[in-house]
Amino acid sequence: MVEMFRALAEPSRLQIVDLLLSQPLPVGSVAERLGIRQPQASKHLRALADAGLLEVRHDAQRRIYALRAEPFQDLDQWLERYRNRFEEQFQRLDGVLDELKAAKSKKEKRRPAKRARRS
């Protein structure tokens, strides 16, 4: 998991993951779409592949890079604990806010209406 986070910490690599989400691509297409040189794209793709995030398929002389589902599923399962924790906190906060609104509404109903001054 640490290697995955380390690989994804680089902004260009996150952009590559976003690109590959829609379709597998060769290194040249990745470089072109990101506006970087091919050696830079190759370096980033290699780091993502070494972290287990990509699979590489050879097509003649080209390497086609695609996302692997498993690491992202593992990441999703790991994050689920945090989502659940924060969801519980948000639900408790919603309850407190509802209580505050109800108390404010009740207080306003008890307050006598102000009378207009006569001239």
N, C-alpha and C. Protein backbone atom coordinates (compact mmCIF):
# COMPACT_ATOMS: atom_id res chain seq x y z
N MET A 1 0.83 -1.19 0.00
CA MET A 1 0.00 0.00 0.00
C MET A 1 0.88 1.26 0.00
N VAL A 2 1.99 1.21 0.73
CA VAL A 2 2.88 2.37 0.80
C VAL A 2 3.43 2.69 -0.58
N GLU A 3 3.82 1.66 -1.33
CA GLU A 3 4.35 1.88 -2.68
C GLU A 3 3.29 2.51 -3.58
N MET A 4 2.06 2.12 -3.40
CA MET A 4 0.98 2.69 -4.20
C MET A 4 0.85 4.19 -3.91
N PHE A 5 0.84 4.55 -2.63
CA PHE A 5 0.74 5.96 -2.27
C PHE A 5 1.94 6.75 -2.76
N ARG A 6 3.11 6.14 -2.65
CA ARG A 6 4.33 6.81 -3.10
C ARG A 6 4.24 7.08 -4.61
N ALA A 7 3.76 6.10 -5.36
CA ALA A 7 3.64 6.27 -6.81
C ALA A 7 2.59 7.32 -7.16
N LEU A 8 1.50 7.34 -6.42
CA LEU A 8 0.41 8.27 -6.72
C LEU A 8 0.67 9.68 -6.19
N ALA A 9 1.71 9.86 -5.39
CA ALA A 9 2.00 11.17 -4.82
C ALA A 9 2.48 12.17 -5.86
N GLU A 10 2.95 11.70 -6.98
CA GLU A 10 3.43 12.57 -8.05
C GLU A 10 2.24 13.02 -8.90
N PRO A 11 2.00 14.32 -9.04
CA PRO A 11 0.85 14.82 -9.80
C PRO A 11 0.75 14.29 -11.24
N SER A 12 1.88 14.15 -11.91
CA SER A 12 1.84 13.64 -13.29
C SER A 12 1.33 12.20 -13.32
N ARG A 13 1.65 11.45 -12.29
CA ARG A 13 1.20 10.06 -12.24
C ARG A 13 -0.30 9.98 -11.98
N LEU A 14 -0.80 10.89 -11.17
CA LEU A 14 -2.26 10.94 -10.98
C LEU A 14 -2.95 11.26 -12.30
N GLN A 15 -2.36 12.16 -13.07
CA GLN A 15 -2.94 12.49 -14.38
C GLN A 15 -2.91 11.27 -15.29
N ILE A 16 -1.85 10.50 -15.23
CA ILE A 16 -1.75 9.28 -16.05
C ILE A 16 -2.84 8.30 -15.64
N VAL A 17 -3.04 8.13 -14.34
CA VAL A 17 -4.10 7.23 -13.87
C VAL A 17 -5.45 7.70 -14.40
N ASP A 18 -5.69 9.01 -14.35
CA ASP A 18 -6.95 9.55 -14.89
C ASP A 18 -7.08 9.25 -16.38
N LEU A 19 -5.99 9.40 -17.13
CA LEU A 19 -6.02 9.11 -18.56
C LEU A 19 -6.34 7.64 -18.82
N LEU A 20 -5.69 6.77 -18.07
CA LEU A 20 -5.84 5.34 -18.31
C LEU A 20 -7.17 4.80 -17.79
N LEU A 21 -7.87 5.59 -17.03
CA LEU A 21 -9.18 5.17 -16.54
C LEU A 21 -10.15 4.95 -17.69
N SER A 22 -10.02 5.76 -18.73
CA SER A 22 -10.94 5.65 -19.86
C SER A 22 -10.53 4.57 -20.85
N GLN A 23 -9.22 4.37 -21.01
CA GLN A 23 -8.76 3.36 -21.98
C GLN A 23 -7.27 3.10 -21.83
N PRO A 24 -6.81 1.91 -22.19
CA PRO A 24 -5.37 1.64 -22.22
C PRO A 24 -4.71 2.50 -23.30
N LEU A 25 -3.47 2.91 -23.04
CA LEU A 25 -2.77 3.78 -23.99
C LEU A 25 -1.29 3.40 -24.08
N PRO A 26 -0.69 3.64 -25.25
CA PRO A 26 0.76 3.49 -25.37
C PRO A 26 1.46 4.72 -24.79
N VAL A 27 2.73 4.58 -24.50
CA VAL A 27 3.49 5.65 -23.87
C VAL A 27 3.45 6.94 -24.69
N GLY A 28 3.51 6.84 -26.01
CA GLY A 28 3.49 8.03 -26.85
C GLY A 28 2.21 8.83 -26.68
N SER A 29 1.09 8.16 -26.59
CA SER A 29 -0.19 8.85 -26.40
C SER A 29 -0.27 9.50 -25.02
N VAL A 30 0.27 8.82 -24.02
CA VAL A 30 0.28 9.39 -22.68
C VAL A 30 1.12 10.66 -22.67
N ALA A 31 2.30 10.59 -23.28
CA ALA A 31 3.19 11.76 -23.33
C ALA A 31 2.52 12.91 -24.06
N GLU A 32 1.91 12.61 -25.19
CA GLU A 32 1.26 13.65 -25.99
C GLU A 32 0.12 14.32 -25.23
N ARG A 33 -0.72 13.52 -24.60
CA ARG A 33 -1.88 14.07 -23.90
C ARG A 33 -1.50 14.88 -22.66
N LEU A 34 -0.38 14.52 -22.04
CA LEU A 34 0.07 15.26 -20.86
C LEU A 34 1.00 16.42 -21.21
N GLY A 35 1.44 16.45 -22.46
CA GLY A 35 2.35 17.52 -22.87
C GLY A 35 3.74 17.37 -22.27
N ILE A 36 4.19 16.13 -22.13
CA ILE A 36 5.54 15.87 -21.61
C ILE A 36 6.30 15.04 -22.63
N ARG A 37 7.62 14.96 -22.44
CA ARG A 37 8.44 14.16 -23.35
C ARG A 37 8.23 12.67 -23.06
N GLN A 38 8.46 11.85 -24.08
CA GLN A 38 8.23 10.42 -23.95
C GLN A 38 9.09 9.78 -22.84
N PRO A 39 10.37 10.17 -22.69
CA PRO A 39 11.14 9.57 -21.58
C PRO A 39 10.54 9.86 -20.20
N GLN A 40 9.98 11.06 -20.04
CA GLN A 40 9.33 11.39 -18.76
C GLN A 40 8.10 10.51 -18.55
N ALA A 41 7.31 10.36 -19.61
CA ALA A 41 6.11 9.52 -19.52
C ALA A 41 6.50 8.08 -19.20
N SER A 42 7.56 7.59 -19.85
CA SER A 42 8.02 6.22 -19.60
C SER A 42 8.44 6.04 -18.14
N LYS A 43 9.12 7.03 -17.60
CA LYS A 43 9.56 6.97 -16.20
C LYS A 43 8.36 6.89 -15.26
N HIS A 44 7.35 7.72 -15.50
CA HIS A 44 6.16 7.71 -14.65
C HIS A 44 5.38 6.40 -14.81
N LEU A 45 5.25 5.93 -16.03
CA LEU A 45 4.54 4.67 -16.27
C LEU A 45 5.27 3.51 -15.59
N ARG A 46 6.59 3.52 -15.65
CA ARG A 46 7.37 2.46 -15.01
C ARG A 46 7.15 2.49 -13.49
N ALA A 47 7.13 3.68 -12.90
CA ALA A 47 6.90 3.80 -11.45
C ALA A 47 5.52 3.27 -11.08
N LEU A 48 4.52 3.60 -11.88
CA LEU A 48 3.16 3.11 -11.61
C LEU A 48 3.08 1.59 -11.78
N ALA A 49 3.76 1.07 -12.80
CA ALA A 49 3.77 -0.38 -13.02
C ALA A 49 4.52 -1.09 -11.90
N ASP A 50 5.65 -0.52 -11.47
CA ASP A 50 6.42 -1.13 -10.37
C ASP A 50 5.62 -1.16 -9.07
N ALA A 51 4.74 -0.19 -8.90
CA ALA A 51 3.88 -0.15 -7.70
C ALA A 51 2.69 -1.09 -7.83
N GLY A 52 2.57 -1.75 -8.98
CA GLY A 52 1.50 -2.72 -9.18
C GLY A 52 0.20 -2.13 -9.67
N LEU A 53 0.22 -0.85 -10.07
CA LEU A 53 -1.01 -0.19 -10.48
C LEU A 53 -1.36 -0.39 -11.95
N LEU A 54 -0.35 -0.73 -12.75
CA LEU A 54 -0.56 -0.88 -14.19
C LEU A 54 -0.15 -2.26 -14.66
N GLU A 55 -0.77 -2.67 -15.75
CA GLU A 55 -0.30 -3.85 -16.46
C GLU A 55 0.16 -3.39 -17.83
N VAL A 56 1.13 -4.10 -18.37
CA VAL A 56 1.72 -3.72 -19.66
C VAL A 56 1.49 -4.86 -20.63
N ARG A 57 0.96 -4.50 -21.79
CA ARG A 57 0.72 -5.49 -22.85
C ARG A 57 1.58 -5.07 -24.04
N HIS A 58 2.26 -6.04 -24.63
CA HIS A 58 3.09 -5.74 -25.80
C HIS A 58 2.27 -5.94 -27.07
N ASP A 59 2.31 -4.93 -27.92
CA ASP A 59 1.61 -4.97 -29.20
C ASP A 59 2.63 -4.56 -30.26
N ALA A 60 3.19 -5.57 -30.91
CA ALA A 60 4.29 -5.35 -31.87
C ALA A 60 5.43 -4.66 -31.11
N GLN A 61 5.78 -3.45 -31.51
CA GLN A 61 6.88 -2.75 -30.84
C GLN A 61 6.39 -1.77 -29.78
N ARG A 62 5.10 -1.71 -29.58
CA ARG A 62 4.54 -0.76 -28.61
C ARG A 62 4.18 -1.46 -27.32
N ARG A 63 4.26 -0.70 -26.25
CA ARG A 63 3.79 -1.17 -24.95
C ARG A 63 2.50 -0.43 -24.65
N ILE A 64 1.46 -1.17 -24.36
CA ILE A 64 0.16 -0.59 -24.03
C ILE A 64 -0.03 -0.71 -22.53
N TYR A 65 -0.31 0.42 -21.89
CA TYR A 65 -0.47 0.47 -20.44
C TYR A 65 -1.95 0.56 -20.08
N ALA A 66 -2.33 -0.23 -19.08
CA ALA A 66 -3.72 -0.24 -18.60
C ALA A 66 -3.72 -0.32 -17.08
N LEU A 67 -4.76 0.20 -16.48
CA LEU A 67 -4.90 0.12 -15.02
C LEU A 67 -5.24 -1.30 -14.60
N ARG A 68 -4.72 -1.71 -13.47
CA ARG A 68 -5.11 -2.97 -12.85
C ARG A 68 -6.19 -2.66 -11.83
N ALA A 69 -7.25 -3.41 -11.81
CA ALA A 69 -8.37 -3.15 -10.91
C ALA A 69 -8.03 -3.48 -9.45
N GLU A 70 -7.29 -4.55 -9.23
CA GLU A 70 -7.08 -5.06 -7.87
C GLU A 70 -6.49 -4.04 -6.90
N PRO A 71 -5.44 -3.32 -7.27
CA PRO A 71 -4.89 -2.37 -6.29
C PRO A 71 -5.89 -1.27 -5.90
N PHE A 72 -6.70 -0.87 -6.85
CA PHE A 72 -7.68 0.18 -6.56
C PHE A 72 -8.82 -0.37 -5.71
N GLN A 73 -9.14 -1.65 -5.89
CA GLN A 73 -10.13 -2.29 -5.03
C GLN A 73 -9.59 -2.40 -3.60
N ASP A 74 -8.31 -2.76 -3.48
CA ASP A 74 -7.68 -2.83 -2.15
C ASP A 74 -7.69 -1.46 -1.48
N LEU A 75 -7.37 -0.43 -2.25
CA LEU A 75 -7.37 0.93 -1.72
C LEU A 75 -8.78 1.33 -1.27
N ASP A 76 -9.77 0.97 -2.06
CA ASP A 76 -11.16 1.29 -1.71
C ASP A 76 -11.56 0.60 -0.41
N GLN A 77 -11.18 -0.65 -0.24
CA GLN A 77 -11.49 -1.37 1.00
C GLN A 77 -10.79 -0.72 2.19
N TRP A 78 -9.55 -0.30 2.00
CA TRP A 78 -8.81 0.35 3.08
C TRP A 78 -9.47 1.66 3.47
N LEU A 79 -9.91 2.43 2.47
CA LEU A 79 -10.54 3.72 2.72
C LEU A 79 -11.94 3.59 3.32
N GLU A 80 -12.57 2.44 3.13
CA GLU A 80 -13.93 2.23 3.62
C GLU A 80 -14.04 2.47 5.12
N ARG A 81 -13.03 2.06 5.87
CA ARG A 81 -13.05 2.28 7.33
C ARG A 81 -13.13 3.77 7.66
N TYR A 82 -12.40 4.56 6.91
CA TYR A 82 -12.38 6.00 7.15
C TYR A 82 -13.70 6.64 6.72
N ARG A 83 -14.22 6.17 5.60
CA ARG A 83 -15.53 6.68 5.15
C ARG A 83 -16.59 6.40 6.20
N ASN A 84 -16.60 5.19 6.73
CA ASN A 84 -17.59 4.82 7.75
C ASN A 84 -17.44 5.68 8.99
N ARG A 85 -16.23 5.88 9.40
CA ARG A 85 -15.97 6.70 10.60
C ARG A 85 -16.49 8.12 10.41
N PHE A 86 -16.16 8.73 9.29
CA PHE A 86 -16.59 10.11 9.05
C PHE A 86 -18.09 10.18 8.81
N GLU A 87 -18.66 9.18 8.21
CA GLU A 87 -20.11 9.16 7.99
C GLU A 87 -20.83 9.16 9.34
N GLU A 88 -20.33 8.37 10.28
CA GLU A 88 -20.93 8.35 11.63
C GLU A 88 -20.83 9.72 12.28
N GLN A 89 -19.69 10.37 12.14
CA GLN A 89 -19.52 11.70 12.73
C GLN A 89 -20.46 12.71 12.08
N PHE A 90 -20.61 12.64 10.77
CA PHE A 90 -21.52 13.55 10.08
C PHE A 90 -22.97 13.31 10.50
N GLN A 91 -23.34 12.06 10.71
CA GLN A 91 -24.70 11.77 11.15
C GLN A 91 -24.95 12.33 12.55
N ARG A 92 -23.96 12.19 13.44
CA ARG A 92 -24.10 12.77 14.79
C ARG A 92 -24.20 14.29 14.71
N LEU A 93 -23.40 14.89 13.85
CA LEU A 93 -23.44 16.35 13.68
C LEU A 93 -24.80 16.78 13.14
N ASP A 94 -25.35 16.03 12.19
CA ASP A 94 -26.69 16.34 11.68
C ASP A 94 -27.72 16.30 12.81
N GLY A 95 -27.59 15.33 13.70
CA GLY A 95 -28.51 15.23 14.84
C GLY A 95 -28.40 16.44 15.75
N VAL A 96 -27.18 16.87 16.03
CA VAL A 96 -26.97 18.05 16.88
C VAL A 96 -27.55 19.29 16.21
N LEU A 97 -27.31 19.45 14.93
CA LEU A 97 -27.85 20.61 14.20
C LEU A 97 -29.37 20.61 14.21
N ASP A 98 -29.97 19.44 14.03
CA ASP A 98 -31.44 19.34 14.08
C ASP A 98 -31.96 19.75 15.46
N GLU A 99 -31.27 19.32 16.51
CA GLU A 99 -31.68 19.70 17.87
C GLU A 99 -31.56 21.20 18.08
N LEU A 100 -30.49 21.80 17.58
CA LEU A 100 -30.31 23.25 17.72
C LEU A 100 -31.39 24.01 16.96
N LYS A 101 -31.73 23.56 15.77
CA LYS A 101 -32.79 24.21 14.99
C LYS A 101 -34.13 24.11 15.72
N ALA A 102 -34.40 22.93 16.26
CA ALA A 102 -35.67 22.73 16.98
C ALA A 102 -35.72 23.62 18.22
N ALA A 103 -34.63 23.72 18.95
CA ALA A 103 -34.59 24.57 20.15
C ALA A 103 -34.76 26.03 19.77
N LYS A 104 -34.14 26.46 18.70
CA LYS A 104 -34.25 27.85 18.26
C LYS A 104 -35.68 28.16 17.83
N SER A 105 -36.29 27.24 17.11
CA SER A 105 -37.67 27.42 16.66
C SER A 105 -38.62 27.49 17.85
N LYS A 106 -38.41 26.63 18.83
CA LYS A 106 -39.25 26.60 20.03
C LYS A 106 -39.10 27.91 20.81
N LYS A 107 -37.87 28.41 20.90
CA LYS A 107 -37.59 29.66 21.62
C LYS A 107 -38.26 30.83 20.91
N GLU A 108 -38.22 30.85 19.59
CA GLU A 108 -38.84 31.95 18.83
C GLU A 108 -40.35 31.93 18.96
N LYS A 109 -40.95 30.77 19.10
CA LYS A 109 -42.40 30.67 19.26
C LYS A 109 -42.84 31.20 20.62
N ARG A 110 -41.99 31.06 21.63
CA ARG A 110 -42.33 31.53 22.97
C ARG A 110 -42.15 33.04 23.11
N ARG A 111 -41.34 33.64 22.29
CA ARG A 111 -41.06 35.08 22.37
C ARG A 111 -42.29 35.85 21.89
N PRO A 112 -42.76 36.84 22.68
CA PRO A 112 -43.93 37.61 22.24
C PRO A 112 -43.56 38.47 21.03
N ALA A 113 -44.55 38.66 20.17
CA ALA A 113 -44.33 39.48 18.97
C ALA A 113 -44.19 40.93 19.38
N LYS A 114 -43.33 41.67 18.72
CA LYS A 114 -43.14 43.09 19.01
C LYS A 114 -44.28 43.87 18.37
N ARG A 115 -44.77 44.86 19.14
CA ARG A 115 -45.86 45.70 18.62
C ARG A 115 -45.28 46.91 17.93
N ALA A 116 -45.96 47.33 16.90
CA ALA A 116 -45.53 48.53 16.18
C ALA A 116 -45.83 49.74 17.03
N ARG A 117 -44.98 50.74 17.01
CA ARG A 117 -45.17 51.98 17.77
C ARG A 117 -46.20 52.85 17.09
N ARG A 118 -47.01 53.49 17.90
CA ARG A 118 -48.00 54.43 17.36
C ARG A 118 -47.44 55.83 17.45
N SER A 119 -47.71 56.65 16.45
CA SER A 119 -47.23 58.03 16.47
C SER A 119 -48.27 58.95 17.00
